[in-house]
Amino acid sequence: MENLSKSDIFDDFVSENAIKWAKFADDKLAILLYPNITRSFGESLQAFSYIKKVDSFNSFEKYSNLMIGSFAMWMAQGKIKKKYGIKDERESLQKAISLWTNEIKGRQFLGQNEPNLGDLCIFGCLRAIEGLDAFDDIMRDNVELDKWYKRVVKVLEYDMSPEMDFLFLPSHQRAKLSKLESLDTQLGPNSSFRLLFYLGPMDL
């Protein structure tokens, strides 16, 4: 990797196939996650439980917001399914996951020996629901996905550096950061890749 120019490294990171799967994360996977984490009121409570960590809320505000927010999420589940034509949210999610695991079959990552943009976008979506029942179900039913996910976590943790406090990438990929803005026109402003900017050291 040391013999490659910064341009070569960046081009590999955002290859045509990497962009294809980054868009898949946004257009397919991210959409399927919501109805899967709000299948019941209990799961909605679990998904909205982060509200209990908001220090500016007192106990009453935390509880009332938790109840109201969770109920609203649960009620919206049907509307989301109808909007996107989702009949069985778990089955649809499993099919989407199968497309990904088939793509990376026999490889460490989509980017071969290291994660590329496609890997990180799929990871970003799944990382957002880690700790929820939906995440546990997905990983339990997809051994290869679980192995891949843990490999990505290992790479990101291993190469964590103090100066990279908002985005974790292997050190030799840091030069790519200055070019990330060029992805806006290709992936759109809501790219799931942006989720990685919010994964702080304490979160990973």
C-alpha atoms as a PDB file:
ATOM      1  CA  MET A   1       0.000   0.000   0.000  1.00  0.00           C
ATOM      2  CA  GLU A   2       2.919   2.382   0.664  1.00  0.00           C
ATOM      3  CA  ASN A   3       3.816   2.357  -3.054  1.00  0.00           C
ATOM      4  CA  LEU A   4       0.400   3.599  -4.130  1.00  0.00           C
ATOM      5  CA  SER A   5      -0.260   7.279  -4.678  1.00  0.00           C
ATOM      6  CA  LYS A   6      -2.897   9.097  -2.663  1.00  0.00           C
ATOM      7  CA  SER A   7      -5.045   9.194  -5.785  1.00  0.00           C
ATOM      8  CA  ASP A   8      -4.776   5.423  -6.283  1.00  0.00           C
ATOM      9  CA  ILE A   9      -5.734   4.739  -2.676  1.00  0.00           C
ATOM     10  CA  PHE A  10      -8.733   7.047  -2.859  1.00  0.00           C
ATOM     11  CA  ASP A  11      -9.903   5.579  -6.177  1.00  0.00           C
ATOM     12  CA  ASP A  12      -9.779   2.094  -4.672  1.00  0.00           C
ATOM     13  CA  PHE A  13     -11.670   3.244  -1.596  1.00  0.00           C
ATOM     14  CA  VAL A  14     -14.496   4.713  -3.711  1.00  0.00           C
ATOM     15  CA  SER A  15     -14.472   2.245  -6.583  1.00  0.00           C
ATOM     16  CA  GLU A  16     -17.590   1.813  -8.709  1.00  0.00           C
ATOM     17  CA  ASN A  17     -18.541  -1.285  -6.728  1.00  0.00           C
ATOM     18  CA  ALA A  18     -17.944   0.488  -3.409  1.00  0.00           C
ATOM     19  CA  ILE A  19     -20.263   3.321  -4.459  1.00  0.00           C
ATOM     20  CA  LYS A  20     -22.856   0.780  -5.607  1.00  0.00           C
ATOM     21  CA  TRP A  21     -22.988  -0.763  -2.123  1.00  0.00           C
ATOM     22  CA  ALA A  22     -22.877   2.634  -0.417  1.00  0.00           C
ATOM     23  CA  LYS A  23     -26.040   3.508  -2.323  1.00  0.00           C
ATOM     24  CA  PHE A  24     -27.495   0.122  -1.403  1.00  0.00           C
ATOM     25  CA  ALA A  25     -26.931   0.981   2.256  1.00  0.00           C
ATOM     26  CA  ASP A  26     -28.843   4.246   1.830  1.00  0.00           C
ATOM     27  CA  ASP A  27     -31.566   3.193  -0.571  1.00  0.00           C
ATOM     28  CA  LYS A  28     -32.319  -0.284   0.758  1.00  0.00           C
ATOM     29  CA  LEU A  29     -30.722  -1.304   4.043  1.00  0.00           C
ATOM     30  CA  ALA A  30     -31.286   1.898   5.994  1.00  0.00           C
ATOM     31  CA  ILE A  31     -34.955   1.959   4.984  1.00  0.00           C
ATOM     32  CA  LEU A  32     -35.480  -1.627   6.139  1.00  0.00           C
ATOM     33  CA  LEU A  33     -33.957  -1.031   9.551  1.00  0.00           C
ATOM     34  CA  TYR A  34     -36.681   1.275  10.865  1.00  0.00           C
ATOM     35  CA  PRO A  35     -39.611  -1.178  10.598  1.00  0.00           C
ATOM     36  CA  ASN A  36     -37.355  -3.863  12.042  1.00  0.00           C
ATOM     37  CA  ILE A  37     -36.568  -1.937  15.229  1.00  0.00           C
ATOM     38  CA  THR A  38     -40.187  -0.853  15.750  1.00  0.00           C
ATOM     39  CA  ARG A  39     -42.076  -4.116  15.192  1.00  0.00           C
ATOM     40  CA  SER A  40     -43.663  -3.845  18.627  1.00  0.00           C
ATOM     41  CA  PHE A  41     -44.059  -1.198  21.284  1.00  0.00           C
ATOM     42  CA  GLY A  42     -41.449  -3.025  23.338  1.00  0.00           C
ATOM     43  CA  GLU A  43     -38.882  -2.864  20.532  1.00  0.00           C
ATOM     44  CA  SER A  44     -39.737   0.804  19.968  1.00  0.00           C
ATOM     45  CA  LEU A  45     -39.080   1.441  23.662  1.00  0.00           C
ATOM     46  CA  GLN A  46     -35.742  -0.269  23.293  1.00  0.00           C
ATOM     47  CA  ALA A  47     -34.832   1.781  20.219  1.00  0.00           C
ATOM     48  CA  PHE A  48     -35.820   5.079  21.872  1.00  0.00           C
ATOM     49  CA  SER A  49     -34.206   4.296  25.217  1.00  0.00           C
ATOM     50  CA  TYR A  50     -31.260   6.554  24.432  1.00  0.00           C
ATOM     51  CA  ILE A  51     -33.483   9.399  25.624  1.00  0.00           C
ATOM     52  CA  LYS A  52     -32.767   8.238  29.179  1.00  0.00           C
ATOM     53  CA  LYS A  53     -29.158   9.330  28.712  1.00  0.00           C
ATOM     54  CA  VAL A  54     -30.044  12.963  27.962  1.00  0.00           C
ATOM     55  CA  ASP A  55     -28.609  14.802  30.978  1.00  0.00           C
ATOM     56  CA  SER A  56     -30.646  17.950  30.407  1.00  0.00           C
ATOM     57  CA  PHE A  57     -33.908  16.039  31.035  1.00  0.00           C
ATOM     58  CA  ASN A  58     -35.193  15.344  34.538  1.00  0.00           C
ATOM     59  CA  SER A  59     -36.667  11.958  35.403  1.00  0.00           C
ATOM     60  CA  PHE A  60     -40.207  12.958  34.456  1.00  0.00           C
ATOM     61  CA  GLU A  61     -39.108  14.397  31.103  1.00  0.00           C
ATOM     62  CA  LYS A  62     -37.093  11.309  30.312  1.00  0.00           C
ATOM     63  CA  TYR A  63     -39.982   8.964  31.078  1.00  0.00           C
ATOM     64  CA  SER A  64     -42.645  11.013  29.315  1.00  0.00           C
ATOM     65  CA  ASN A  65     -40.493  11.515  26.212  1.00  0.00           C
ATOM     66  CA  LEU A  66     -39.623   7.834  26.212  1.00  0.00           C
ATOM     67  CA  MET A  67     -43.282   6.812  26.246  1.00  0.00           C
ATOM     68  CA  ILE A  68     -44.471   9.388  23.718  1.00  0.00           C
ATOM     69  CA  GLY A  69     -41.504   8.929  21.378  1.00  0.00           C
ATOM     70  CA  SER A  70     -41.682   5.156  21.463  1.00  0.00           C
ATOM     71  CA  PHE A  71     -45.409   5.174  20.788  1.00  0.00           C
ATOM     72  CA  ALA A  72     -44.947   7.548  17.852  1.00  0.00           C
ATOM     73  CA  MET A  73     -42.218   5.330  16.391  1.00  0.00           C
ATOM     74  CA  TRP A  74     -44.379   2.260  16.762  1.00  0.00           C
ATOM     75  CA  MET A  75     -47.359   3.935  15.087  1.00  0.00           C
ATOM     76  CA  ALA A  76     -45.201   5.141  12.193  1.00  0.00           C
ATOM     77  CA  GLN A  77     -43.986   1.614  11.463  1.00  0.00           C
ATOM     78  CA  GLY A  78     -47.033   0.710   9.390  1.00  0.00           C
ATOM     79  CA  LYS A  79     -46.796   3.900   7.355  1.00  0.00           C
ATOM     80  CA  ILE A  80     -43.152   3.236   6.516  1.00  0.00           C
ATOM     81  CA  LYS A  81     -43.931  -0.327   5.453  1.00  0.00           C
ATOM     82  CA  LYS A  82     -46.773   0.860   3.244  1.00  0.00           C
ATOM     83  CA  LYS A  83     -44.704   3.644   1.703  1.00  0.00           C
ATOM     84  CA  TYR A  84     -41.925   1.273   0.644  1.00  0.00           C
ATOM     85  CA  GLY A  85     -44.076  -1.771  -0.066  1.00  0.00           C
ATOM     86  CA  ILE A  86     -42.621  -3.850   2.757  1.00  0.00           C
ATOM     87  CA  LYS A  87     -44.811  -6.825   3.678  1.00  0.00           C
ATOM     88  CA  ASP A  88     -42.576  -8.822   6.026  1.00  0.00           C
ATOM     89  CA  GLU A  89     -39.913  -6.533   7.446  1.00  0.00           C
ATOM     90  CA  ARG A  90     -37.711  -9.313   8.833  1.00  0.00           C
ATOM     91  CA  GLU A  91     -37.840 -11.368   5.645  1.00  0.00           C
ATOM     92  CA  SER A  92     -37.050  -8.300   3.532  1.00  0.00           C
ATOM     93  CA  LEU A  93     -34.119  -7.425   5.775  1.00  0.00           C
ATOM     94  CA  GLN A  94     -32.746 -10.949   5.652  1.00  0.00           C
ATOM     95  CA  LYS A  95     -32.915 -10.902   1.854  1.00  0.00           C
ATOM     96  CA  ALA A  96     -31.038  -7.599   1.774  1.00  0.00           C
ATOM     97  CA  ILE A  97     -28.413  -8.979   4.151  1.00  0.00           C
ATOM     98  CA  SER A  98     -28.053 -12.075   1.950  1.00  0.00           C
ATOM     99  CA  LEU A  99     -27.240  -9.880  -1.033  1.00  0.00           C
ATOM    100  CA  TRP A 100     -24.414  -8.320   0.955  1.00  0.00           C
ATOM    101  CA  THR A 101     -23.008 -11.552   2.382  1.00  0.00           C
ATOM    102  CA  ASN A 102     -23.071 -13.145  -1.075  1.00  0.00           C
ATOM    103  CA  GLU A 103     -21.140 -10.180  -2.423  1.00  0.00           C
ATOM    104  CA  ILE A 104     -18.363 -10.462   0.171  1.00  0.00           C
ATOM    105  CA  LYS A 105     -18.300 -14.270   0.241  1.00  0.00           C
ATOM    106  CA  GLY A 106     -14.728 -15.535   0.315  1.00  0.00           C
ATOM    107  CA  ARG A 107     -13.317 -12.076   1.092  1.00  0.00           C
ATOM    108  CA  GLN A 108     -12.336 -10.291   4.263  1.00  0.00           C
ATOM    109  CA  PHE A 109     -14.076  -7.117   3.088  1.00  0.00           C
ATOM    110  CA  LEU A 110     -15.674  -5.684  -0.010  1.00  0.00           C
ATOM    111  CA  GLY A 111     -12.405  -3.814  -0.377  1.00  0.00           C
ATOM    112  CA  GLN A 112     -10.525  -7.134  -0.252  1.00  0.00           C
ATOM    113  CA  ASN A 113      -7.913  -6.736   2.498  1.00  0.00           C
ATOM    114  CA  GLU A 114      -9.373  -3.615   4.087  1.00  0.00           C
ATOM    115  CA  PRO A 115     -12.764  -1.905   4.310  1.00  0.00           C
ATOM    116  CA  ASN A 116     -13.747   0.442   1.521  1.00  0.00           C
ATOM    117  CA  LEU A 117     -16.636   2.894   1.284  1.00  0.00           C
ATOM    118  CA  GLY A 118     -19.152   0.092   0.712  1.00  0.00           C
ATOM    119  CA  ASP A 119     -18.003  -1.770   3.816  1.00  0.00           C
ATOM    120  CA  LEU A 120     -18.180   1.346   5.957  1.00  0.00           C
ATOM    121  CA  CYS A 121     -21.641   2.366   4.771  1.00  0.00           C
ATOM    122  CA  ILE A 122     -23.107  -1.074   5.474  1.00  0.00           C
ATOM    123  CA  PHE A 123     -21.275  -1.100   8.806  1.00  0.00           C
ATOM    124  CA  GLY A 124     -22.608   2.372   9.641  1.00  0.00           C
ATOM    125  CA  CYS A 125     -26.201   1.233   9.145  1.00  0.00           C
ATOM    126  CA  LEU A 126     -25.784  -1.860  11.296  1.00  0.00           C
ATOM    127  CA  ARG A 127     -23.774  -0.028  13.949  1.00  0.00           C
ATOM    128  CA  ALA A 128     -26.742   2.310  14.419  1.00  0.00           C
ATOM    129  CA  ILE A 129     -28.902  -0.559  15.745  1.00  0.00           C
ATOM    130  CA  GLU A 130     -26.269  -2.449  17.721  1.00  0.00           C
ATOM    131  CA  GLY A 131     -27.641  -3.466  21.107  1.00  0.00           C
ATOM    132  CA  LEU A 132     -31.198  -3.839  19.836  1.00  0.00           C
ATOM    133  CA  ASP A 133     -33.092  -7.104  19.343  1.00  0.00           C
ATOM    134  CA  ALA A 134     -33.076  -6.619  15.565  1.00  0.00           C
ATOM    135  CA  PHE A 135     -29.281  -6.471  15.526  1.00  0.00           C
ATOM    136  CA  ASP A 136     -28.979  -9.608  17.651  1.00  0.00           C
ATOM    137  CA  ASP A 137     -31.425 -11.491  15.414  1.00  0.00           C
ATOM    138  CA  ILE A 138     -29.578 -10.468  12.264  1.00  0.00           C
ATOM    139  CA  MET A 139     -26.193 -11.520  13.584  1.00  0.00           C
ATOM    140  CA  ARG A 140     -27.491 -14.784  15.035  1.00  0.00           C
ATOM    141  CA  ASP A 141     -29.046 -15.769  11.719  1.00  0.00           C
ATOM    142  CA  ASN A 142     -26.107 -14.639   9.570  1.00  0.00           C
ATOM    143  CA  VAL A 143     -22.805 -16.076  10.732  1.00  0.00           C
ATOM    144  CA  GLU A 144     -20.815 -14.616   7.841  1.00  0.00           C
ATOM    145  CA  LEU A 145     -22.235 -11.154   8.482  1.00  0.00           C
ATOM    146  CA  ASP A 146     -21.288 -11.419  12.146  1.00  0.00           C
ATOM    147  CA  LYS A 147     -17.723 -12.386  11.241  1.00  0.00           C
ATOM    148  CA  TRP A 148     -17.435  -9.536   8.732  1.00  0.00           C
ATOM    149  CA  TYR A 149     -18.859  -7.019  11.212  1.00  0.00           C
ATOM    150  CA  LYS A 150     -16.346  -8.021  13.871  1.00  0.00           C
ATOM    151  CA  ARG A 151     -13.511  -7.745  11.341  1.00  0.00           C
ATOM    152  CA  VAL A 152     -14.537  -4.176  10.531  1.00  0.00           C
ATOM    153  CA  VAL A 153     -14.712  -3.291  14.238  1.00  0.00           C
ATOM    154  CA  LYS A 154     -11.262  -4.773  14.748  1.00  0.00           C
ATOM    155  CA  VAL A 155      -9.772  -2.748  11.894  1.00  0.00           C
ATOM    156  CA  LEU A 156     -11.319   0.489  13.112  1.00  0.00           C
ATOM    157  CA  GLU A 157     -10.245  -0.045  16.715  1.00  0.00           C
ATOM    158  CA  TYR A 158      -6.744  -1.184  15.808  1.00  0.00           C
ATOM    159  CA  ASP A 159      -6.013   1.903  13.721  1.00  0.00           C
ATOM    160  CA  MET A 160      -7.643   4.388  16.086  1.00  0.00           C
ATOM    161  CA  SER A 161      -5.507   7.506  16.430  1.00  0.00           C
ATOM    162  CA  PRO A 162      -5.913  10.597  18.645  1.00  0.00           C
ATOM    163  CA  GLU A 163      -6.141  12.963  15.666  1.00  0.00           C
ATOM    164  CA  MET A 164      -8.966  10.935  14.142  1.00  0.00           C
ATOM    165  CA  ASP A 165     -11.597  11.917  16.653  1.00  0.00           C
ATOM    166  CA  PHE A 166     -14.517  12.034  14.204  1.00  0.00           C
ATOM    167  CA  LEU A 167     -13.811   9.355  11.631  1.00  0.00           C
ATOM    168  CA  PHE A 168     -12.017   6.048  11.969  1.00  0.00           C
ATOM    169  CA  LEU A 169     -10.108   4.902   8.908  1.00  0.00           C
ATOM    170  CA  PRO A 170      -6.829   2.997   8.602  1.00  0.00           C
ATOM    171  CA  SER A 171      -3.994   5.501   8.923  1.00  0.00           C
ATOM    172  CA  HIS A 172      -2.852   5.251   5.308  1.00  0.00           C
ATOM    173  CA  GLN A 173      -6.304   6.319   4.168  1.00  0.00           C
ATOM    174  CA  ARG A 174      -6.286   9.680   5.947  1.00  0.00           C
ATOM    175  CA  ALA A 175      -5.348  11.480   2.744  1.00  0.00           C
ATOM    176  CA  LYS A 176      -8.779  10.585   1.413  1.00  0.00           C
ATOM    177  CA  LEU A 177     -10.543  12.880   3.855  1.00  0.00           C
ATOM    178  CA  SER A 178      -9.797  15.982   1.817  1.00  0.00           C
ATOM    179  CA  LYS A 179     -11.590  14.440  -1.146  1.00  0.00           C
ATOM    180  CA  LEU A 180     -14.693  13.179   0.620  1.00  0.00           C
ATOM    181  CA  GLU A 181     -16.704  16.236  -0.382  1.00  0.00           C
ATOM    182  CA  SER A 182     -16.572  15.009  -3.978  1.00  0.00           C
ATOM    183  CA  LEU A 183     -18.799  12.103  -2.943  1.00  0.00           C
ATOM    184  CA  ASP A 184     -21.738  14.391  -2.231  1.00  0.00           C
ATOM    185  CA  THR A 185     -22.814  14.507  -5.842  1.00  0.00           C
ATOM    186  CA  GLN A 186     -22.494  10.733  -6.181  1.00  0.00           C
ATOM    187  CA  LEU A 187     -24.067   9.588  -2.919  1.00  0.00           C
ATOM    188  CA  GLY A 188     -26.252  12.501  -1.921  1.00  0.00           C
ATOM    189  CA  PRO A 189     -26.250  14.560   1.289  1.00  0.00           C
ATOM    190  CA  ASN A 190     -27.840  11.791   3.392  1.00  0.00           C
ATOM    191  CA  SER A 191     -25.241   9.128   2.725  1.00  0.00           C
ATOM    192  CA  SER A 192     -25.041   6.512   5.466  1.00  0.00           C
ATOM    193  CA  PHE A 193     -21.290   7.058   5.254  1.00  0.00           C
ATOM    194  CA  ARG A 194     -21.928  10.195   7.281  1.00  0.00           C
ATOM    195  CA  LEU A 195     -22.996   8.013  10.187  1.00  0.00           C
ATOM    196  CA  LEU A 196     -19.331   7.266  10.729  1.00  0.00           C
ATOM    197  CA  PHE A 197     -18.680  10.907  11.549  1.00  0.00           C
ATOM    198  CA  TYR A 198     -20.770  10.426  14.691  1.00  0.00           C
ATOM    199  CA  LEU A 199     -19.080   7.288  15.961  1.00  0.00           C
ATOM    200  CA  GLY A 200     -16.909   8.681  18.718  1.00  0.00           C
ATOM    201  CA  PRO A 201     -14.238   6.660  20.570  1.00  0.00           C
ATOM    202  CA  MET A 202     -16.602   5.935  23.476  1.00  0.00           C
ATOM    203  CA  ASP A 203     -19.318   4.683  21.116  1.00  0.00           C
ATOM    204  CA  LEU A 204     -17.279   2.128  19.246  1.00  0.00           C
END
